[in-house]
Amino acid sequence: MSEREDDPLRDPTLESIPPSVPPGGVIASFRAAFAGVARTIATQRNMKIHMLAGLMVTIVGMALPLDIATRAALLFAVAIVFFAEILNTALEAFVDLFIRDFHRLALLAKDAAAAGVLVLAVVTVLIFADILWTRWDLVTSNIEAVERSVLFGVPVVVLEALGLFVVRRSPLALARCIISLALVGRLALESHDPIFAIIAIGLVLLAAYARHAFPKRAGRGAPRASVTP
């Protein structure tokens, strides 16, 4: 029987086509998706940077009484950058899987995907800067909250940077996570938006889980180059 005839997608009875939901059902699907997010955080340098930036945005969101449109814009901007970086990681893995030799088209695909993430990241920074520029009165009228965010937020970001880039599985990792949660919890008590507080706590827990579950850095592709056309 030919390979064409063996293709399960050509089965007219559809009996040999695997179900759309993998074994384990919906829970297994969510578990696989969550693992994909955690693995991307643990292995991709740029995703770690996006995590720290997202944490800083949530800390600002907790400190300032932003209107609903501004909060939605910030959350959507952070989410779309995360999505783009995860998609970029998937594309890079797909290219590395099927392209064994260097090729200028593979280089183009990777560069284009990375450029898309860069554009979204730059626009997110501009959105954040524009919000601060146009609503600077919120900063000046909430100096106490801003000072509290600097006092507790800067150590959180530093600790999370150490956790993402330096500390892996060790007693130090657990201690770092506990201290970060305590600092974020202190900010959450004075938060203007509980959703931002929940997201900040979630980011700290997600970063800790990612580094614990995937302690080894995933292998990177060979050095980038292009062949002669």
Protein backbone atom coordinates (compact mmCIF):
# COMPACT_ATOMS: atom_id res chain seq x y z
CA MET A 1 0.00 0.00 0.00
CA SER A 2 1.35 3.41 -0.94
CA GLU A 3 2.13 6.19 1.52
CA ARG A 4 -0.74 8.16 0.03
CA GLU A 5 -3.17 5.36 0.86
CA ASP A 6 -1.78 5.08 4.40
CA ASP A 7 -2.55 8.72 5.15
CA PRO A 8 -5.18 8.62 7.96
CA LEU A 9 -6.56 11.98 6.86
CA ARG A 10 -7.74 10.31 3.67
CA ASP A 11 -9.76 7.71 5.56
CA PRO A 12 -13.33 8.19 4.24
CA THR A 13 -14.81 6.71 7.44
CA LEU A 14 -12.73 9.05 9.66
CA GLU A 15 -12.12 6.13 12.03
CA SER A 16 -8.32 6.36 11.92
CA ILE A 17 -8.17 10.13 12.38
CA PRO A 18 -7.14 10.94 15.96
CA PRO A 19 -9.63 12.94 18.03
CA SER A 20 -9.21 16.70 18.21
CA VAL A 21 -8.92 16.52 22.01
CA PRO A 22 -5.83 14.53 23.12
CA PRO A 23 -6.01 11.69 25.65
CA GLY A 24 -6.91 13.12 29.00
CA GLY A 25 -9.47 15.51 27.59
CA VAL A 26 -9.64 19.24 28.09
CA ILE A 27 -7.56 19.13 31.28
CA ALA A 28 -4.67 17.57 29.36
CA SER A 29 -4.98 20.29 26.71
CA PHE A 30 -4.74 23.04 29.33
CA ARG A 31 -1.84 21.24 31.00
CA ALA A 32 0.04 21.07 27.70
CA ALA A 33 -0.61 24.74 26.98
CA PHE A 34 0.54 25.74 30.45
CA ALA A 35 3.70 23.67 30.01
CA GLY A 36 4.33 25.48 26.74
CA VAL A 37 4.14 28.85 28.48
CA ALA A 38 6.39 27.72 31.34
CA ARG A 39 8.95 26.15 29.02
CA THR A 40 9.13 29.32 26.94
CA ILE A 41 9.74 31.39 30.08
CA ALA A 42 12.41 29.00 31.33
CA THR A 43 14.35 28.75 28.08
CA GLN A 44 13.92 31.99 26.16
CA ARG A 45 15.91 35.06 27.22
CA ASN A 46 13.54 37.53 25.58
CA MET A 47 10.53 35.97 27.27
CA LYS A 48 12.22 36.43 30.62
CA ILE A 49 12.68 40.12 29.81
CA HIS A 50 9.02 40.37 28.83
CA MET A 51 8.08 38.76 32.15
CA LEU A 52 10.03 41.39 34.07
CA ALA A 53 8.50 44.18 31.99
CA GLY A 54 5.02 42.77 32.55
CA LEU A 55 5.68 42.62 36.28
CA MET A 56 6.72 46.27 36.30
CA VAL A 57 3.54 47.23 34.43
CA THR A 58 1.38 45.42 36.98
CA ILE A 59 3.21 47.15 39.84
CA VAL A 60 2.45 50.52 38.26
CA GLY A 61 -1.14 49.43 37.69
CA MET A 62 -1.49 48.61 41.37
CA ALA A 63 -0.11 51.99 42.44
CA LEU A 64 -2.07 54.37 40.22
CA PRO A 65 -5.86 54.80 39.99
CA LEU A 66 -6.06 54.24 36.23
CA ASP A 67 -9.37 54.26 34.37
CA ILE A 68 -10.78 51.07 32.86
CA ALA A 69 -9.70 51.93 29.30
CA THR A 70 -6.09 52.49 30.38
CA ARG A 71 -5.99 49.28 32.42
CA ALA A 72 -7.42 47.31 29.52
CA ALA A 73 -4.88 48.82 27.11
CA LEU A 74 -1.96 47.90 29.39
CA LEU A 75 -3.18 44.35 29.99
CA PHE A 76 -3.83 43.77 26.30
CA ALA A 77 -0.43 45.18 25.32
CA VAL A 78 1.39 42.90 27.77
CA ALA A 79 -0.67 39.88 26.69
CA ILE A 80 -0.05 40.43 22.99
CA VAL A 81 3.72 40.69 23.53
CA PHE A 82 3.67 37.43 25.50
CA PHE A 83 1.65 35.78 22.75
CA ALA A 84 3.99 37.02 20.04
CA GLU A 85 7.09 35.77 21.86
CA ILE A 86 5.52 32.34 22.43
CA LEU A 87 4.54 32.17 18.76
CA ASN A 88 8.04 33.26 17.74
CA THR A 89 9.53 30.49 19.88
CA ALA A 90 7.23 27.95 18.26
CA LEU A 91 8.23 29.12 14.77
CA GLU A 92 11.94 28.97 15.59
CA ALA A 93 11.55 25.42 16.94
CA PHE A 94 9.60 24.41 13.82
CA VAL A 95 12.26 25.84 11.51
CA ASP A 96 15.08 24.17 13.47
CA LEU A 97 13.21 20.87 13.34
CA PHE A 98 12.93 20.73 9.56
CA ILE A 99 15.86 22.82 8.35
CA ARG A 100 19.03 20.89 9.03
CA ASP A 101 21.27 23.06 6.86
CA PHE A 102 21.44 26.81 6.90
CA HIS A 103 19.26 28.53 4.38
CA ARG A 104 18.53 32.17 3.75
CA LEU A 105 14.77 31.52 3.77
CA ALA A 106 15.01 29.97 7.24
CA LEU A 107 17.00 33.01 8.32
CA LEU A 108 14.31 35.26 6.84
CA ALA A 109 11.54 33.39 8.68
CA LYS A 110 13.31 33.69 12.04
CA ASP A 111 14.23 37.34 11.55
CA ALA A 112 10.70 38.24 10.45
CA ALA A 113 9.15 36.52 13.48
CA ALA A 114 11.60 38.26 15.82
CA ALA A 115 10.85 41.59 14.12
CA GLY A 116 7.14 41.13 14.81
CA VAL A 117 7.84 40.67 18.51
CA LEU A 118 10.12 43.71 18.50
CA VAL A 119 7.45 45.90 16.91
CA LEU A 120 4.86 44.89 19.49
CA ALA A 121 7.31 45.37 22.36
CA VAL A 122 8.25 48.86 21.17
CA VAL A 123 4.59 49.83 20.74
CA THR A 124 3.85 48.56 24.25
CA VAL A 125 6.62 50.76 25.67
CA LEU A 126 5.25 53.73 23.72
CA ILE A 127 1.73 53.08 25.05
CA PHE A 128 3.05 52.95 28.60
CA ALA A 129 5.09 56.13 28.09
CA ASP A 130 2.13 57.93 26.53
CA ILE A 131 -0.10 56.99 29.47
CA LEU A 132 2.43 58.40 31.93
CA TRP A 133 2.92 61.52 29.79
CA THR A 134 -0.77 62.34 29.43
CA ARG A 135 -1.75 61.33 32.99
CA TRP A 136 1.28 62.56 34.90
CA ASP A 137 -1.16 64.18 37.33
CA LEU A 138 -1.93 60.68 38.60
CA VAL A 139 1.72 60.26 39.52
CA THR A 140 2.06 63.62 41.25
CA SER A 141 -1.20 63.18 43.16
CA ASN A 142 -0.24 59.68 44.36
CA ILE A 143 3.33 60.25 45.50
CA GLU A 144 2.93 58.01 48.54
CA ALA A 145 1.75 55.10 46.39
CA VAL A 146 4.57 55.70 43.91
CA GLU A 147 7.17 55.72 46.69
CA ARG A 148 5.70 52.51 48.10
CA SER A 149 5.87 50.90 44.65
CA VAL A 150 9.53 51.85 44.30
CA LEU A 151 10.33 50.67 47.83
CA PHE A 152 8.73 47.24 47.40
CA GLY A 153 8.55 46.90 43.62
CA VAL A 154 12.21 47.40 42.73
CA PRO A 155 13.34 44.56 45.04
CA VAL A 156 10.67 42.32 43.53
CA VAL A 157 11.91 42.96 40.00
CA VAL A 158 15.53 42.42 41.06
CA LEU A 159 14.66 39.16 42.83
CA GLU A 160 12.67 37.92 39.85
CA ALA A 161 15.52 38.80 37.50
CA LEU A 162 17.85 36.73 39.68
CA GLY A 163 15.33 33.91 39.66
CA LEU A 164 14.86 33.94 35.91
CA PHE A 165 18.50 34.36 34.89
CA VAL A 166 20.61 33.02 37.77
CA VAL A 167 18.98 30.99 40.54
CA ARG A 168 17.46 27.66 39.57
CA ARG A 169 16.58 24.66 41.75
CA SER A 170 17.98 25.37 45.20
CA PRO A 171 16.88 26.52 48.66
CA LEU A 172 17.72 30.02 47.43
CA ALA A 173 15.06 29.72 44.74
CA LEU A 174 12.36 28.95 47.32
CA ALA A 175 13.51 31.77 49.59
CA ARG A 176 13.58 34.20 46.68
CA CYS A 177 10.04 33.26 45.64
CA ILE A 178 8.70 33.64 49.20
CA ILE A 179 10.30 37.08 49.59
CA SER A 180 8.94 38.20 46.20
CA LEU A 181 5.43 37.06 47.13
CA ALA A 182 5.66 38.85 50.47
CA LEU A 183 6.71 42.09 48.77
CA VAL A 184 4.00 41.84 46.11
CA GLY A 185 1.48 40.99 48.82
CA ARG A 186 2.40 44.16 50.66
CA LEU A 187 1.75 46.16 47.48
CA ALA A 188 -1.50 44.28 46.90
CA LEU A 189 -2.84 45.46 50.26
CA GLU A 190 -2.75 49.05 48.99
CA SER A 191 -3.61 48.26 45.38
CA HIS A 192 -6.06 50.37 43.39
CA ASP A 193 -6.83 47.37 41.18
CA PRO A 194 -7.08 43.80 42.55
CA ILE A 195 -6.78 42.37 39.04
CA PHE A 196 -3.31 43.84 38.61
CA ALA A 197 -2.40 42.50 42.06
CA ILE A 198 -3.57 38.99 41.13
CA ILE A 199 -1.64 39.14 37.86
CA ALA A 200 1.54 40.27 39.64
CA ILE A 201 1.29 37.37 42.09
CA GLY A 202 0.57 35.03 39.20
CA LEU A 203 3.66 36.18 37.30
CA VAL A 204 5.87 35.56 40.33
CA LEU A 205 4.44 32.06 40.80
CA LEU A 206 4.64 31.30 37.08
CA ALA A 207 8.30 32.34 36.91
CA ALA A 208 9.13 30.18 39.94
CA TYR A 209 7.31 27.18 38.47
CA ALA A 210 8.96 27.59 35.08
CA ARG A 211 12.46 27.62 36.52
CA HIS A 212 11.69 24.64 38.76
CA ALA A 213 9.97 22.50 36.13
CA PHE A 214 12.41 23.27 33.32
CA PRO A 215 15.76 23.96 35.02
CA LYS A 216 17.93 23.23 32.00
CA ARG A 217 18.14 25.64 29.15
CA ALA A 218 16.76 24.21 25.93
CA GLY A 219 19.32 23.66 23.25
CA ARG A 220 19.67 26.51 20.86
CA GLY A 221 20.09 26.10 17.17
CA ALA A 222 23.46 26.18 15.53
CA PRO A 223 25.00 29.58 14.82
CA ARG A 224 23.00 31.54 12.32
CA ALA A 225 24.24 31.79 8.81
CA SER A 226 22.97 31.64 5.28
CA VAL A 227 24.08 29.50 2.41
CA THR A 228 24.98 30.76 -0.98
CA PRO A 229 21.77 31.09 -2.98
